[in-house]
Each structure stands twice: as structure tokens, then as C-alpha cells.
PDB file of all heavy atoms in Angstrom:
ATOM      1  N   LEU A   1     105.143  87.896  85.343  1.00  0.00           N
ATOM      2  CA  LEU A   1     105.959  89.097  85.552  1.00  0.00           C
ATOM      3  C   LEU A   1     107.439  88.740  85.675  1.00  0.00           C
ATOM      4  O   LEU A   1     108.295  89.442  85.143  1.00  0.00           O
ATOM      5  CB  LEU A   1     105.491  89.851  86.794  1.00  0.00           C
ATOM      6  CG  LEU A   1     104.146  90.554  86.643  1.00  0.00           C
ATOM      7  CD1 LEU A   1     103.647  91.046  87.986  1.00  0.00           C
ATOM      8  CD2 LEU A   1     104.252  91.711  85.666  1.00  0.00           C
ATOM      9  N   GLN A   2     107.733  87.639  86.337  1.00  0.00           N
ATOM     10  CA  GLN A   2     109.122  87.198  86.490  1.00  0.00           C
ATOM     11  C   GLN A   2     109.749  86.893  85.129  1.00  0.00           C
ATOM     12  O   GLN A   2     110.904  87.230  84.885  1.00  0.00           O
ATOM     13  CB  GLN A   2     109.184  85.957  87.391  1.00  0.00           C
ATOM     14  CG  GLN A   2     110.580  85.469  87.694  1.00  0.00           C
ATOM     15  CD  GLN A   2     111.362  86.433  88.561  1.00  0.00           C
ATOM     16  OE1 GLN A   2     110.810  87.092  89.424  1.00  0.00           O
ATOM     17  NE2 GLN A   2     112.655  86.516  88.334  1.00  0.00           N
ATOM     18  N   GLU A   3     108.979  86.298  84.234  1.00  0.00           N
ATOM     19  CA  GLU A   3     109.482  85.972  82.890  1.00  0.00           C
ATOM     20  C   GLU A   3     109.711  87.223  82.047  1.00  0.00           C
ATOM     21  O   GLU A   3     110.665  87.300  81.296  1.00  0.00           O
ATOM     22  CB  GLU A   3     108.494  85.059  82.168  1.00  0.00           C
ATOM     23  CG  GLU A   3     108.395  83.670  82.737  1.00  0.00           C
ATOM     24  CD  GLU A   3     107.238  82.876  82.156  1.00  0.00           C
ATOM     25  OE1 GLU A   3     106.434  83.421  81.366  1.00  0.00           O
ATOM     26  OE2 GLU A   3     107.124  81.679  82.516  1.00  0.00           O
ATOM     27  N   ARG A   4     108.829  88.197  82.149  1.00  0.00           N
ATOM     28  CA  ARG A   4     108.889  89.366  81.276  1.00  0.00           C
ATOM     29  C   ARG A   4     109.739  90.512  81.819  1.00  0.00           C
ATOM     30  O   ARG A   4     110.354  91.239  81.069  1.00  0.00           O
ATOM     31  CB  ARG A   4     107.484  89.851  80.969  1.00  0.00           C
ATOM     32  CG  ARG A   4     106.838  88.918  79.957  1.00  0.00           C
ATOM     33  CD  ARG A   4     105.363  89.152  79.808  1.00  0.00           C
ATOM     34  NE  ARG A   4     104.800  88.303  78.786  1.00  0.00           N
ATOM     35  CZ  ARG A   4     104.674  86.984  78.855  1.00  0.00           C
ATOM     36  NH1 ARG A   4     105.125  86.333  79.890  1.00  0.00           N
ATOM     37  NH2 ARG A   4     104.114  86.300  77.878  1.00  0.00           N
ATOM     38  N   CYS A   5     109.716  90.701  83.111  1.00  0.00           N
ATOM     39  CA  CYS A   5     110.473  91.817  83.718  1.00  0.00           C
ATOM     40  C   CYS A   5     110.770  91.473  85.179  1.00  0.00           C
ATOM     41  O   CYS A   5     110.068  91.920  86.080  1.00  0.00           O
ATOM     42  CB  CYS A   5     109.710  93.119  83.593  1.00  0.00           C
ATOM     43  SG  CYS A   5     107.964  92.992  83.993  1.00  0.00           S
ATOM     44  N   PRO A   6     111.800  90.666  85.404  1.00  0.00           N
ATOM     45  CA  PRO A   6     112.081  90.138  86.736  1.00  0.00           C
ATOM     46  C   PRO A   6     112.265  91.189  87.830  1.00  0.00           C
ATOM     47  O   PRO A   6     111.896  90.948  88.977  1.00  0.00           O
ATOM     48  CB  PRO A   6     113.369  89.340  86.555  1.00  0.00           C
ATOM     49  CG  PRO A   6     113.745  89.425  85.139  1.00  0.00           C
ATOM     50  CD  PRO A   6     112.746  90.239  84.405  1.00  0.00           C
ATOM     51  N   ASP A   7     112.806  92.333  87.498  1.00  0.00           N
ATOM     52  CA  ASP A   7     113.053  93.350  88.530  1.00  0.00           C
ATOM     53  C   ASP A   7     111.785  94.029  89.023  1.00  0.00           C
ATOM     54  O   ASP A   7     111.752  94.608  90.103  1.00  0.00           O
ATOM     55  CB  ASP A   7     114.035  94.401  88.022  1.00  0.00           C
ATOM     56  CG  ASP A   7     113.524  95.152  86.797  1.00  0.00           C
ATOM     57  OD1 ASP A   7     112.809  94.539  85.975  1.00  0.00           O
ATOM     58  OD2 ASP A   7     113.847  96.344  86.653  1.00  0.00           O
ATOM     59  N   LEU A   8     110.710  93.933  88.265  1.00  0.00           N
ATOM     60  CA  LEU A   8     109.487  94.652  88.601  1.00  0.00           C
ATOM     61  C   LEU A   8     108.798  94.124  89.859  1.00  0.00           C
ATOM     62  O   LEU A   8     108.213  94.891  90.623  1.00  0.00           O
ATOM     63  CB  LEU A   8     108.512  94.618  87.415  1.00  0.00           C
ATOM     64  CG  LEU A   8     107.296  95.518  87.510  1.00  0.00           C
ATOM     65  CD1 LEU A   8     107.720  96.975  87.595  1.00  0.00           C
ATOM     66  CD2 LEU A   8     106.402  95.307  86.298  1.00  0.00           C
ATOM     67  N   LEU A   9     108.863  92.830  90.116  1.00  0.00           N
ATOM     68  CA  LEU A   9     108.166  92.254  91.277  1.00  0.00           C
ATOM     69  C   LEU A   9     108.618  92.834  92.607  1.00  0.00           C
ATOM     70  O   LEU A   9     107.832  92.967  93.533  1.00  0.00           O
ATOM     71  CB  LEU A   9     108.342  90.738  91.312  1.00  0.00           C
ATOM     72  CG  LEU A   9     107.464  89.955  90.357  1.00  0.00           C
ATOM     73  CD1 LEU A   9     107.844  88.481  90.391  1.00  0.00           C
ATOM     74  CD2 LEU A   9     106.004  90.130  90.693  1.00  0.00           C
ATOM     75  N   ASN A  10     109.876  93.179  92.708  1.00  0.00           N
ATOM     76  CA  ASN A  10     110.411  93.702  93.972  1.00  0.00           C
ATOM     77  C   ASN A  10     110.376  95.213  94.046  1.00  0.00           C
ATOM     78  O   ASN A  10     110.761  95.794  95.055  1.00  0.00           O
ATOM     79  CB  ASN A  10     111.844  93.204  94.178  1.00  0.00           C
ATOM     80  CG  ASN A  10     111.861  91.709  94.391  1.00  0.00           C
ATOM     81  OD1 ASN A  10     111.018  91.166  95.089  1.00  0.00           O
ATOM     82  ND2 ASN A  10     112.814  91.044  93.768  1.00  0.00           N
ATOM     83  N   GLU A  11     109.909  95.845  93.000  1.00  0.00           N
ATOM     84  CA  GLU A  11     109.918  97.309  92.944  1.00  0.00           C
ATOM     85  C   GLU A  11     108.733  97.911  93.696  1.00  0.00           C
ATOM     86  O   GLU A  11     107.598  97.471  93.567  1.00  0.00           O
ATOM     87  CB  GLU A  11     109.889  97.766  91.490  1.00  0.00           C
ATOM     88  CG  GLU A  11     110.139  99.234  91.329  1.00  0.00           C
ATOM     89  CD  GLU A  11     110.484  99.611  89.905  1.00  0.00           C
ATOM     90  OE1 GLU A  11     111.102  98.815  89.205  1.00  0.00           O
ATOM     91  OE2 GLU A  11     110.111 100.728  89.518  1.00  0.00           O
ATOM     92  N   VAL A  12     109.037  98.915  94.485  1.00  0.00           N
ATOM     93  CA  VAL A  12     108.005  99.726  95.130  1.00  0.00           C
ATOM     94  C   VAL A  12     107.805 100.931  94.222  1.00  0.00           C
ATOM     95  O   VAL A  12     108.761 101.612  93.862  1.00  0.00           O
ATOM     96  CB  VAL A  12     108.447 100.182  96.540  1.00  0.00           C
ATOM     97  CG1 VAL A  12     107.418 101.125  97.149  1.00  0.00           C
ATOM     98  CG2 VAL A  12     108.664  98.972  97.439  1.00  0.00           C
ATOM     99  N   ILE A  13     106.575 101.176  93.834  1.00  0.00           N
ATOM    100  CA  ILE A  13     106.308 102.277  92.914  1.00  0.00           C
ATOM    101  C   ILE A  13     106.640 103.592  93.614  1.00  0.00           C
ATOM    102  O   ILE A  13     106.106 103.875  94.689  1.00  0.00           O
ATOM    103  CB  ILE A  13     104.855 102.250  92.431  1.00  0.00           C
ATOM    104  CG1 ILE A  13     104.595 100.943  91.691  1.00  0.00           C
ATOM    105  CG2 ILE A  13     104.555 103.447  91.532  1.00  0.00           C
ATOM    106  CD1 ILE A  13     103.160 100.675  91.375  1.00  0.00           C
ATOM    107  N   PRO A  14     107.553 104.372  93.033  1.00  0.00           N
ATOM    108  CA  PRO A  14     108.013 105.591  93.698  1.00  0.00           C
ATOM    109  C   PRO A  14     106.908 106.613  93.911  1.00  0.00           C
ATOM    110  O   PRO A  14     106.016 106.771  93.089  1.00  0.00           O
ATOM    111  CB  PRO A  14     109.067 106.149  92.748  1.00  0.00           C
ATOM    112  CG  PRO A  14     109.120 105.271  91.568  1.00  0.00           C
ATOM    113  CD  PRO A  14     108.146 104.167  91.737  1.00  0.00           C
ATOM    114  N   LYS A  15     106.976 107.279  95.039  1.00  0.00           N
ATOM    115  CA  LYS A  15     106.131 108.418  95.391  1.00  0.00           C
ATOM    116  C   LYS A  15     104.668 108.078  95.688  1.00  0.00           C
ATOM    117  O   LYS A  15     103.893 108.957  96.009  1.00  0.00           O
ATOM    118  CB  LYS A  15     106.177 109.508  94.314  1.00  0.00           C
ATOM    119  CG  LYS A  15     107.562 109.932  93.905  1.00  0.00           C
ATOM    120  CD  LYS A  15     108.165 110.843  94.915  1.00  0.00           C
ATOM    121  CE  LYS A  15     109.495 111.369  94.379  1.00  0.00           C
ATOM    122  NZ  LYS A  15     110.414 111.753  95.342  1.00  0.00           N
ATOM    123  N   VAL A  16     104.270 106.820  95.583  1.00  0.00           N
ATOM    124  CA  VAL A  16     102.873 106.468  95.851  1.00  0.00           C
ATOM    125  C   VAL A  16     102.523 106.749  97.306  1.00  0.00           C
ATOM    126  O   VAL A  16     101.443 107.258  97.604  1.00  0.00           O
ATOM    127  CB  VAL A  16     102.575 104.997  95.485  1.00  0.00           C
ATOM    128  CG1 VAL A  16     101.204 104.574  95.975  1.00  0.00           C
ATOM    129  CG2 VAL A  16     102.657 104.807  93.986  1.00  0.00           C
ATOM    130  N   ASP A  17     103.437 106.453  98.221  1.00  0.00           N
ATOM    131  CA  ASP A  17     103.143 106.709  99.632  1.00  0.00           C
ATOM    132  C   ASP A  17     102.999 108.205  99.903  1.00  0.00           C
ATOM    133  O   ASP A  17     102.148 108.620 100.690  1.00  0.00           O
ATOM    134  CB  ASP A  17     104.203 106.091 100.539  1.00  0.00           C
ATOM    135  CG  ASP A  17     105.626 106.484 100.177  1.00  0.00           C
ATOM    136  OD1 ASP A  17     105.856 106.965  99.049  1.00  0.00           O
ATOM    137  OD2 ASP A  17     106.514 106.303 101.028  1.00  0.00           O
ATOM    138  N   THR A  18     103.776 109.032  99.209  1.00  0.00           N
ATOM    139  CA  THR A  18     103.654 110.488  99.356  1.00  0.00           C
ATOM    140  C   THR A  18     102.305 110.972  98.841  1.00  0.00           C
ATOM    141  O   THR A  18     101.619 111.756  99.498  1.00  0.00           O
ATOM    142  CB  THR A  18     104.788 111.203  98.586  1.00  0.00           C
ATOM    143  OG1 THR A  18     106.038 110.723  99.077  1.00  0.00           O
ATOM    144  CG2 THR A  18     104.699 112.707  98.744  1.00  0.00           C
ATOM    145  N   VAL A  19     101.914 110.482  97.668  1.00  0.00           N
ATOM    146  CA  VAL A  19     100.622 110.854  97.083  1.00  0.00           C
ATOM    147  C   VAL A  19      99.485 110.426  98.007  1.00  0.00           C
ATOM    148  O   VAL A  19      98.559 111.189  98.262  1.00  0.00           O
ATOM    149  CB  VAL A  19     100.448 110.238  95.676  1.00  0.00           C
ATOM    150  CG1 VAL A  19      99.027 110.430  95.163  1.00  0.00           C
ATOM    151  CG2 VAL A  19     101.450 110.827  94.710  1.00  0.00           C
ATOM    152  N   ALA A  20      99.571 109.201  98.539  1.00  0.00           N
ATOM    153  CA  ALA A  20      98.521 108.698  99.431  1.00  0.00           C
ATOM    154  C   ALA A  20      98.405 109.567 100.678  1.00  0.00           C
ATOM    155  O   ALA A  20      97.304 109.809 101.176  1.00  0.00           O
ATOM    156  CB  ALA A  20      98.806 107.254  99.813  1.00  0.00           C
ATOM    157  N   GLY A  21      99.535 110.058 101.185  1.00  0.00           N
ATOM    158  CA  GLY A  21      99.517 110.902 102.371  1.00  0.00           C
ATOM    159  C   GLY A  21      98.930 112.279 102.122  1.00  0.00           C
ATOM    160  O   GLY A  21      98.291 112.863 102.987  1.00  0.00           O
ATOM    161  N   ILE A  22      99.132 112.796 100.921  1.00  0.00           N
ATOM    162  CA  ILE A  22      98.645 114.142 100.595  1.00  0.00           C
ATOM    163  C   ILE A  22      97.195 114.124 100.123  1.00  0.00           C
ATOM    164  O   ILE A  22      96.388 114.947 100.515  1.00  0.00           O
ATOM    165  CB  ILE A  22      99.545 114.784  99.512  1.00  0.00           C
ATOM    166  CG1 ILE A  22     100.954 114.989 100.066  1.00  0.00           C
ATOM    167  CG2 ILE A  22      98.956 116.100  99.022  1.00  0.00           C
ATOM    168  CD1 ILE A  22     101.978 115.410  99.026  1.00  0.00           C
ATOM    169  N   PHE A  23      96.882 113.148  99.265  1.00  0.00           N
ATOM    170  CA  PHE A  23      95.545 113.080  98.659  1.00  0.00           C
ATOM    171  C   PHE A  23      94.805 111.850  99.170  1.00  0.00           C
ATOM    172  O   PHE A  23      94.607 110.880  98.448  1.00  0.00           O
ATOM    173  CB  PHE A  23      95.646 113.038  97.133  1.00  0.00           C
ATOM    174  CG  PHE A  23      96.359 114.210  96.548  1.00  0.00           C
ATOM    175  CD1 PHE A  23      97.662 114.083  96.078  1.00  0.00           C
ATOM    176  CD2 PHE A  23      95.737 115.439  96.460  1.00  0.00           C
ATOM    177  CE1 PHE A  23      98.323 115.167  95.529  1.00  0.00           C
ATOM    178  CE2 PHE A  23      96.392 116.528  95.912  1.00  0.00           C
ATOM    179  CZ  PHE A  23      97.703 116.391  95.449  1.00  0.00           C
ATOM    180  N   GLU A  24      94.401 111.893 100.405  1.00  0.00           N
ATOM    181  CA  GLU A  24      93.717 110.765 101.020  1.00  0.00           C
ATOM    182  C   GLU A  24      92.461 110.400 100.220  1.00  0.00           C
ATOM    183  O   GLU A  24      91.674 111.257  99.833  1.00  0.00           O
ATOM    184  CB  GLU A  24      93.321 111.121 102.451  1.00  0.00           C
ATOM    185  CG  GLU A  24      92.769 109.953 103.218  1.00  0.00           C
ATOM    186  CD  GLU A  24      92.476 110.323 104.657  1.00  0.00           C
ATOM    187  OE1 GLU A  24      93.203 111.162 105.223  1.00  0.00           O
ATOM    188  OE2 GLU A  24      91.507 109.763 105.198  1.00  0.00           O
ATOM    189  N   GLY A  25      92.314 109.107  99.953  1.00  0.00           N
ATOM    190  CA  GLY A  25      91.138 108.629  99.233  1.00  0.00           C
ATOM    191  C   GLY A  25      91.251 108.671  97.720  1.00  0.00           C
ATOM    192  O   GLY A  25      90.312 108.310  97.011  1.00  0.00           O
ATOM    193  N   CYS A  26      92.398 109.086  97.179  1.00  0.00           N
ATOM    194  CA  CYS A  26      92.523 109.144  95.719  1.00  0.00           C
ATOM    195  C   CYS A  26      92.717 107.736  95.153  1.00  0.00           C
ATOM    196  O   CYS A  26      93.103 106.806  95.857  1.00  0.00           O
ATOM    197  CB  CYS A  26      93.647 110.083  95.283  1.00  0.00           C
ATOM    198  SG  CYS A  26      95.293 109.542  95.704  1.00  0.00           S
ATOM    199  N   THR A  27      92.421 107.573  93.888  1.00  0.00           N
ATOM    200  CA  THR A  27      92.522 106.277  93.240  1.00  0.00           C
ATOM    201  C   THR A  27      93.661 106.260  92.237  1.00  0.00           C
ATOM    202  O   THR A  27      94.092 107.294  91.737  1.00  0.00           O
ATOM    203  CB  THR A  27      91.214 105.907  92.515  1.00  0.00           C
ATOM    204  OG1 THR A  27      90.921 106.894  91.534  1.00  0.00           O
ATOM    205  CG2 THR A  27      90.066 105.770  93.491  1.00  0.00           C
ATOM    206  N   LEU A  28      94.114 105.058  91.958  1.00  0.00           N
ATOM    207  CA  LEU A  28      95.178 104.840  90.993  1.00  0.00           C
ATOM    208  C   LEU A  28      94.528 104.403  89.691  1.00  0.00           C
ATOM    209  O   LEU A  28      93.862 103.378  89.642  1.00  0.00           O
ATOM    210  CB  LEU A  28      96.114 103.747  91.501  1.00  0.00           C
ATOM    211  CG  LEU A  28      97.218 103.351  90.567  1.00  0.00           C
ATOM    212  CD1 LEU A  28      98.282 104.440  90.577  1.00  0.00           C
ATOM    213  CD2 LEU A  28      97.815 102.028  90.988  1.00  0.00           C
ATOM    214  N   GLN A  29      94.692 105.188  88.634  1.00  0.00           N
ATOM    215  CA  GLN A  29      94.063 104.830  87.376  1.00  0.00           C
ATOM    216  C   GLN A  29      94.980 104.066  86.439  1.00  0.00           C
ATOM    217  O   GLN A  29      94.533 103.145  85.762  1.00  0.00           O
ATOM    218  CB  GLN A  29      93.507 106.069  86.694  1.00  0.00           C
ATOM    219  CG  GLN A  29      92.374 106.661  87.497  1.00  0.00           C
ATOM    220  CD  GLN A  29      91.636 107.737  86.768  1.00  0.00           C
ATOM    221  OE1 GLN A  29      91.851 107.979  85.591  1.00  0.00           O
ATOM    222  NE2 GLN A  29      90.755 108.406  87.462  1.00  0.00           N
TER     223      GLN A  29
END
């Protein structure tokens, strides 16, 4: 990942925490 897209390793995927709080138990496809 560092070789192909260095900025991605430190990125927190936006809105995932909001989705997890609203839709408890949902999965990431």
C-alpha cells in the first residue's frame, strides 16, 4: 500500500463511524 498509494495507510474511511452508530451490526461489502 505504501508503494502504490502512500496516503491511504493513514486515512480513516469517512463516515464509517457514523454508519456503525446508526446501523449496528451492518457489514462492509
